[in-house]
Protein backbone atom coordinates (compact mmCIF):
# COMPACT_ATOMS: atom_id res chain seq x y z
CA MET A 1 122.38 106.67 108.67
CA ARG A 2 123.97 106.24 112.59
CA PRO A 3 121.68 105.44 115.16
CA LEU A 4 119.79 108.94 116.45
CA TYR A 5 118.70 109.26 118.89
CA PHE A 6 114.77 110.93 120.17
CA ASP A 7 114.74 112.65 123.70
CA LYS A 8 113.95 115.89 125.51
CA ALA A 9 115.40 118.56 126.05
CA THR A 10 117.79 119.42 129.47
CA ARG A 11 118.01 123.28 131.10
CA GLU A 12 121.12 123.59 129.05
CA GLU A 13 120.77 122.17 126.21
CA ARG A 14 117.78 123.94 125.68
CA ASN A 15 119.21 127.87 125.84
CA HIS A 16 121.68 127.30 123.39
CA LEU A 17 119.62 125.80 120.96
CA SER A 18 117.43 129.41 121.48
CA VAL A 19 121.46 130.25 119.88
CA LEU A 20 120.23 128.67 116.92
CA ARG A 21 116.77 129.92 116.96
CA ALA A 22 117.08 133.67 117.46
CA GLY A 23 119.40 132.92 113.58
CA ALA A 24 116.02 132.01 112.19
CA TRP A 25 112.96 133.63 114.01
CA ALA A 26 114.43 137.38 116.02
CA LYS A 27 112.80 139.18 112.94
CA ASP A 28 113.31 142.92 114.85
CA LEU A 29 114.82 141.72 118.35
CA PRO A 30 118.43 142.11 118.16
CA PRO A 31 119.48 138.27 118.92
CA ASN A 32 121.05 138.41 122.67
CA GLU A 33 117.09 139.81 123.32
CA PHE A 34 115.19 137.20 121.66
CA VAL A 35 117.04 135.18 123.35
CA LYS A 36 116.55 136.18 127.18
CA ARG A 37 112.96 136.30 125.09
CA ASN A 38 112.14 132.68 125.34
CA GLN A 39 114.01 132.76 128.87
CA VAL A 40 110.34 134.04 129.69
CA LEU A 41 108.76 132.60 128.00
CA TYR A 42 109.42 129.73 129.27
CA SER A 43 109.93 130.82 133.18
CA HIS A 44 105.49 131.33 132.87
CA PRO A 45 103.51 129.38 134.46
CA PHE A 46 102.09 128.53 130.89
CA GLY A 47 105.65 127.59 130.10
CA LYS A 48 107.28 126.01 132.94
CA LYS A 49 103.79 123.74 133.39
CA ARG A 50 103.17 122.67 128.95
CA ILE A 51 106.04 123.31 126.93
CA GLU A 52 107.80 120.30 126.30
CA THR A 53 111.44 120.94 124.25
CA TYR A 54 112.74 117.70 121.98
CA VAL A 55 115.63 116.96 119.96
CA LEU A 56 117.76 114.75 118.30
CA LYS A 57 120.73 113.61 119.11
CA ASP A 58 123.17 111.39 116.67
CA SER A 59 125.32 108.73 118.66
CA SER A 60 128.29 111.54 119.20
CA GLY A 61 125.77 113.77 121.11
CA THR A 62 124.69 116.23 118.74
CA ILE A 63 121.94 118.08 118.48
CA VAL A 64 121.04 117.89 114.86
CA SER A 65 116.89 118.09 114.66
CA SER A 66 114.66 119.81 117.23
CA MET A 67 110.86 121.27 119.19
CA ASP A 68 108.41 122.49 120.60
CA ALA A 69 105.65 121.20 121.61
CA LEU A 70 103.17 123.05 123.84
CA GLN A 71 99.86 120.91 125.43
CA LEU A 72 96.46 123.44 124.70
CA ASN A 73 92.93 122.38 125.05
CA PHE A 74 91.20 122.39 121.55
CA PHE A 75 87.72 122.25 120.41
CA MET A 76 86.27 119.47 118.51
CA THR A 77 82.88 119.42 116.61
CA GLY A 78 81.04 115.03 117.66
CA GLY A 79 79.21 115.47 114.70
CA LEU A 80 75.26 117.04 113.85
CA ASP A 81 73.10 117.77 117.29
CA LYS A 82 76.01 116.55 119.89
CA PRO A 83 77.75 118.94 122.08
CA ILE A 84 80.99 120.55 121.03
CA LEU A 85 83.62 118.32 123.25
CA GLU A 86 86.65 119.90 124.57
CA LYS A 87 89.85 117.42 123.92
CA ALA A 88 93.94 118.81 125.42
CA GLY A 89 96.06 118.03 122.79
CA PHE A 90 99.53 119.50 120.94
CA LEU A 91 100.76 121.85 119.46
CA ILE A 92 104.48 122.16 117.71
CA ALA A 93 106.90 125.20 117.58
CA SER A 94 110.33 126.00 116.39
CA VAL A 95 111.32 122.83 114.44
CA ILE A 96 114.32 123.82 113.44
CA THR A 97 117.54 121.62 112.12
CA PRO A 98 121.37 122.33 112.28
CA ILE A 99 122.77 124.38 108.23
CA ASP A 100 125.09 122.07 108.70
CA GLN A 101 122.60 118.97 109.37
CA ARG A 102 119.51 119.75 107.11
CA GLY A 103 119.21 117.68 104.07
CA ARG A 104 118.98 114.34 106.46
CA GLY A 105 115.75 113.71 106.45
CA TYR A 106 116.47 114.33 110.17
CA ALA A 107 113.37 116.52 110.85
CA SER A 108 111.38 113.76 109.60
CA HIS A 109 112.56 111.68 112.45
CA LEU A 110 111.41 114.23 114.85
CA LEU A 111 108.10 114.32 114.23
CA ASP A 112 107.65 110.15 113.39
CA GLU A 113 109.17 109.45 117.14
CA PHE A 114 106.72 112.88 118.60
CA LEU A 115 103.97 111.48 117.10
CA LYS A 116 104.63 107.93 118.09
CA ILE A 117 104.98 109.40 121.73
CA GLN A 118 102.39 111.57 122.22
CA PRO A 119 98.75 110.77 124.17
CA TRP A 120 96.81 113.50 122.34
CA ASP A 121 94.43 113.00 118.96
CA VAL A 122 94.79 116.18 117.92
CA GLY A 123 97.04 119.26 117.39
CA VAL A 124 98.33 121.98 115.42
CA LEU A 125 101.15 123.58 114.22
CA HIS A 126 102.53 127.29 112.02
CA SER A 127 104.80 126.29 108.68
CA ASP A 128 106.41 128.57 107.43
CA VAL A 129 108.21 126.48 104.97
CA GLY A 130 105.51 125.84 103.34
CA PRO A 131 102.74 123.25 103.96
CA ALA A 132 103.71 119.89 101.52
CA PHE A 133 106.28 118.98 104.69
CA TYR A 134 103.97 118.55 106.87
CA GLU A 135 101.63 117.32 104.74
CA LYS A 136 103.20 113.67 104.37
CA TRP A 137 101.74 113.08 108.28
CA GLY A 138 98.48 114.04 107.31
CA PHE A 139 98.61 117.88 108.32
CA LYS A 140 96.41 120.09 106.63
CA LYS A 141 96.74 124.23 106.10
CA THR A 142 94.24 126.60 106.58
CA GLU A 143 94.50 129.65 104.29
CA ALA A 144 95.50 132.76 106.29
CA LYS A 145 96.87 135.83 105.24
CA LEU A 146 98.39 138.99 107.73
CA TYR A 147 96.14 142.23 106.94
CA GLU A 148 97.66 145.27 107.73
CA VAL A 149 95.58 148.48 107.69
CA ASP A 150 95.83 151.75 108.54
CA GLN A 151 93.64 153.16 111.59
CA ALA A 152 93.67 156.80 109.72
CA VAL A 153 91.97 154.95 107.36
CA SER A 154 89.52 152.29 109.31
CA GLN A 155 87.32 155.22 111.83
CA PRO A 156 84.09 154.36 111.55
CA PRO A 157 81.56 157.31 110.63
CA THR A 158 80.76 160.47 112.93
CA SER A 159 77.38 158.86 112.94
CA MET A 160 78.35 155.90 114.35
CA ARG A 161 78.62 155.69 118.27
CA ILE A 162 80.98 153.12 119.80
CA GLU A 163 81.65 152.03 123.23
CA MET A 164 83.80 150.72 124.61
CA LYS A 165 85.98 149.21 127.21
CA SER A 166 88.80 147.59 129.22
CA ILE A 167 88.12 144.88 131.00
CA ASP A 168 90.21 141.88 133.19
CA LEU A 169 91.66 138.59 131.28
CA GLU A 170 89.13 136.47 133.38
CA SER A 171 86.32 138.14 131.19
CA PHE A 172 87.47 138.62 128.39
CA ILE A 173 88.50 134.49 128.34
CA HIS A 174 85.01 134.18 129.46
CA HIS A 175 82.54 136.01 126.66
CA ILE A 176 85.36 134.36 123.80
CA TYR A 177 84.92 130.63 125.57
CA GLU A 178 81.44 130.95 125.13
CA LEU A 179 81.51 132.47 120.89
CA ARG A 180 84.14 130.52 120.50
CA LYS A 181 81.76 127.44 120.78
CA LYS A 182 78.07 129.22 119.49
CA GLN A 183 80.28 129.71 116.29
CA MET A 184 81.17 125.01 116.11
CA VAL A 185 77.39 124.77 116.39
CA GLY A 186 76.09 122.87 114.14
CA LEU A 187 79.10 121.89 112.06
CA PRO A 188 80.18 118.93 111.24
CA GLU A 189 82.11 116.58 112.63
CA GLY A 190 86.06 116.45 113.37
CA LYS A 191 86.23 120.41 113.19
CA LEU A 192 89.36 122.38 115.26
CA MET A 193 89.26 125.32 116.81
CA ILE A 194 92.16 126.45 120.17
CA ALA A 195 90.05 126.41 123.00
CA PRO A 196 90.34 129.62 125.37
CA GLU A 197 92.14 129.39 128.32
CA VAL A 198 93.60 132.03 130.76
CA GLU A 199 97.46 131.12 131.03
CA PHE A 200 97.77 130.42 127.46
CA TRP A 201 96.46 133.81 126.33
CA ASP A 202 98.15 135.63 129.31
CA TRP A 203 101.66 134.03 128.31
CA GLN A 204 101.38 135.04 124.38
CA ILE A 205 100.85 138.58 125.82
CA GLU A 206 103.77 137.96 128.04
CA ARG A 207 106.43 138.73 125.20
CA PHE A 208 104.55 141.80 124.34
CA ARG A 209 105.47 142.62 128.19
CA PHE A 210 108.52 142.20 127.35
CA TYR A 211 109.34 143.98 123.97
CA SER A 212 107.91 146.99 126.20
CA LYS A 213 110.01 146.05 129.04
CA PHE A 214 112.83 145.93 126.55
CA LYS A 215 111.53 149.46 125.24
CA GLY A 216 111.60 151.02 127.97
CA ILE A 217 107.26 151.28 127.42
CA ARG A 218 104.24 150.34 129.90
CA LEU A 219 101.99 148.04 128.09
CA PRO A 220 98.66 149.23 128.14
CA SER A 221 95.76 146.47 128.90
CA PRO A 222 95.26 144.90 125.03
CA TYR A 223 91.77 143.19 125.95
CA PHE A 224 88.11 145.05 125.16
CA GLU A 225 84.24 145.51 124.92
CA ALA A 226 82.40 147.35 122.31
CA GLN A 227 78.76 148.30 122.16
CA LEU A 228 77.79 148.78 118.11
CA ALA A 229 75.06 149.79 117.22
CA GLY A 230 72.90 147.47 120.66
CA GLU A 231 75.32 144.65 120.14
CA TYR A 232 78.67 143.99 122.24
CA GLU A 233 81.66 142.75 121.22
CA TYR A 234 85.68 141.27 121.52
CA PHE A 235 88.51 142.14 121.23
CA SER A 236 92.59 142.16 122.48
CA VAL A 237 95.22 144.12 120.24
CA VAL A 238 98.60 144.43 121.93
CA GLN A 239 100.62 146.34 121.44
CA ASN A 240 104.08 145.52 119.67
CA SER A 241 106.60 148.17 120.95
CA VAL A 242 109.27 146.38 118.90
CA THR A 243 108.13 147.00 115.63
CA GLY A 244 106.30 150.72 116.59
CA LYS A 245 102.44 148.47 115.35
CA ALA A 246 99.67 146.73 117.22
CA GLU A 247 98.65 143.23 117.14
CA VAL A 248 95.17 142.48 117.36
CA LEU A 249 95.26 137.96 118.61
CA TRP A 250 91.10 137.72 118.39
CA ARG A 251 88.39 139.46 116.95
CA ASP A 252 84.85 138.00 117.25
CA SER A 253 83.58 140.14 114.37
CA THR A 254 84.23 140.43 110.72
CA ARG A 255 81.72 143.50 110.67
CA SER A 256 84.66 147.03 109.51
CA GLU A 257 82.64 148.53 112.86
CA ASN A 258 84.47 146.06 114.38
CA LEU A 259 87.77 147.15 112.70
CA ALA A 260 87.17 150.68 113.37
CA ALA A 261 86.67 149.95 117.34
CA ILE A 262 90.55 148.60 116.74
CA ALA A 263 91.30 151.61 114.98
CA SER A 264 90.14 153.64 116.95
CA VAL A 265 92.51 152.74 120.42
CA VAL A 266 95.38 151.52 118.69
CA LYS A 267 95.00 155.79 117.57
CA ASP A 268 94.89 156.46 121.20
CA TRP A 269 98.00 154.36 121.85
CA GLY A 270 99.86 156.99 119.23
CA MET A 271 99.89 154.50 116.62
CA LYS A 272 99.03 154.60 113.17
CA HIS A 273 99.05 150.66 111.73
CA PHE A 274 97.96 147.10 113.02
CA SER A 275 97.68 143.70 111.69
CA TYR A 276 95.49 140.63 112.14
CA TRP A 277 95.93 137.36 111.18
CA ALA A 278 92.08 136.75 109.15
CA ASN A 279 90.78 134.09 105.93
CA SER A 280 89.45 136.84 103.88
CA THR A 281 88.84 140.21 105.06
CA GLN A 282 90.14 143.89 104.65
CA GLY A 283 93.43 145.93 103.76
CA LYS A 284 96.87 145.47 102.50
CA VAL A 285 97.86 141.28 102.82
CA ILE A 286 101.71 141.58 104.58
CA GLN A 287 101.94 138.08 105.18
CA GLU A 288 100.53 134.31 103.83
CA GLU A 289 101.38 131.66 106.40
CA CYS A 290 99.87 127.82 106.82
CA PRO A 291 98.66 127.29 109.97
CA MET A 292 97.63 123.69 110.06
CA GLY A 293 95.69 121.07 112.06
CA TRP A 294 95.20 117.26 112.96
CA ARG A 295 93.58 114.47 114.22
CA ARG A 296 94.62 110.71 114.29
CA GLY A 297 91.31 108.65 113.49
CA LYS A 298 89.41 106.81 110.89
CA ILE A 299 87.88 110.06 109.61
CA LYS A 300 90.38 111.92 107.20
CA PHE A 301 91.35 115.85 108.14
CA LEU A 302 90.46 118.51 105.75
CA ALA A 303 92.19 121.84 105.02
CA GLU A 304 88.76 122.93 105.68
CA ASP A 305 88.93 121.75 109.54
CA PHE A 306 90.52 123.42 111.52
CA LEU A 307 89.03 127.00 112.38
CA ASP A 308 90.36 129.19 113.70
CA PRO A 309 93.60 131.53 111.51
CA GLN A 310 93.72 133.46 114.37
CA LEU A 311 96.41 133.66 116.71
CA CYS A 312 98.37 132.99 113.87
CA ASP A 313 102.25 133.42 114.83
CA TRP A 314 101.64 131.84 117.71
CA TRP A 315 105.04 131.79 119.27
């Protein structure tokens, strides 16, 4: 194999890579708009501070593989009766090798080099090529499915009272930050979950703002507090103006009443369907994916240790 060089991409190289990535992941968005979308996301405060693009080049300077690395914070359990730890880590995204360069081990070399230089002990990725490739480095998959629900069949019983209001991002993050930590109390050592942050969550919403601008539609508030049977619950559901469907980024309950509250929001928006990621629940399965977690250390990372099927389509 010819000499290979691992490096960070320049702005020009990153823009060129967006064209390549559009061919793989643009989906319902025209390729040129997908390129613009990526530029918007890299320009967001989160993108500027916490996203790096890494490339592998051959001796001629040609990029033969590339990936993005996002710096996130994670909750991790320290063991029974021990406090929940908050640790910095990475999220690997957009790993791609040009078609004419595939089958030569370039993506493997790229990941080898990244894991050598990155300083963090925890990380995650979202595999759309199946888990086997990433398991070589100790990543373990979490079972996750994308469910689609027809809002018409998710309406609450007429006897059920739902009180709901839109809330601001800071309030929403405060609530789910505490809820996520609470979910991890008492669990064995090494369980991993993404810690909510205002800037990261706003970056998630930025792509939906872009879709709305592309369609000339105003994006409504995506953060909600609902009072169901005397209990407060929180969820984030956002309009995808490109697909014409709503996407749930977070729901803190698996109760059918929670889905009913989401359905009422989606109905008010004039949309008929919404989707959400989960391990197992109700609705029609339309996609299966493999969010995968990783941890450096003596304790082997297990498939059930990454507790985070939500926010699955991170990038």
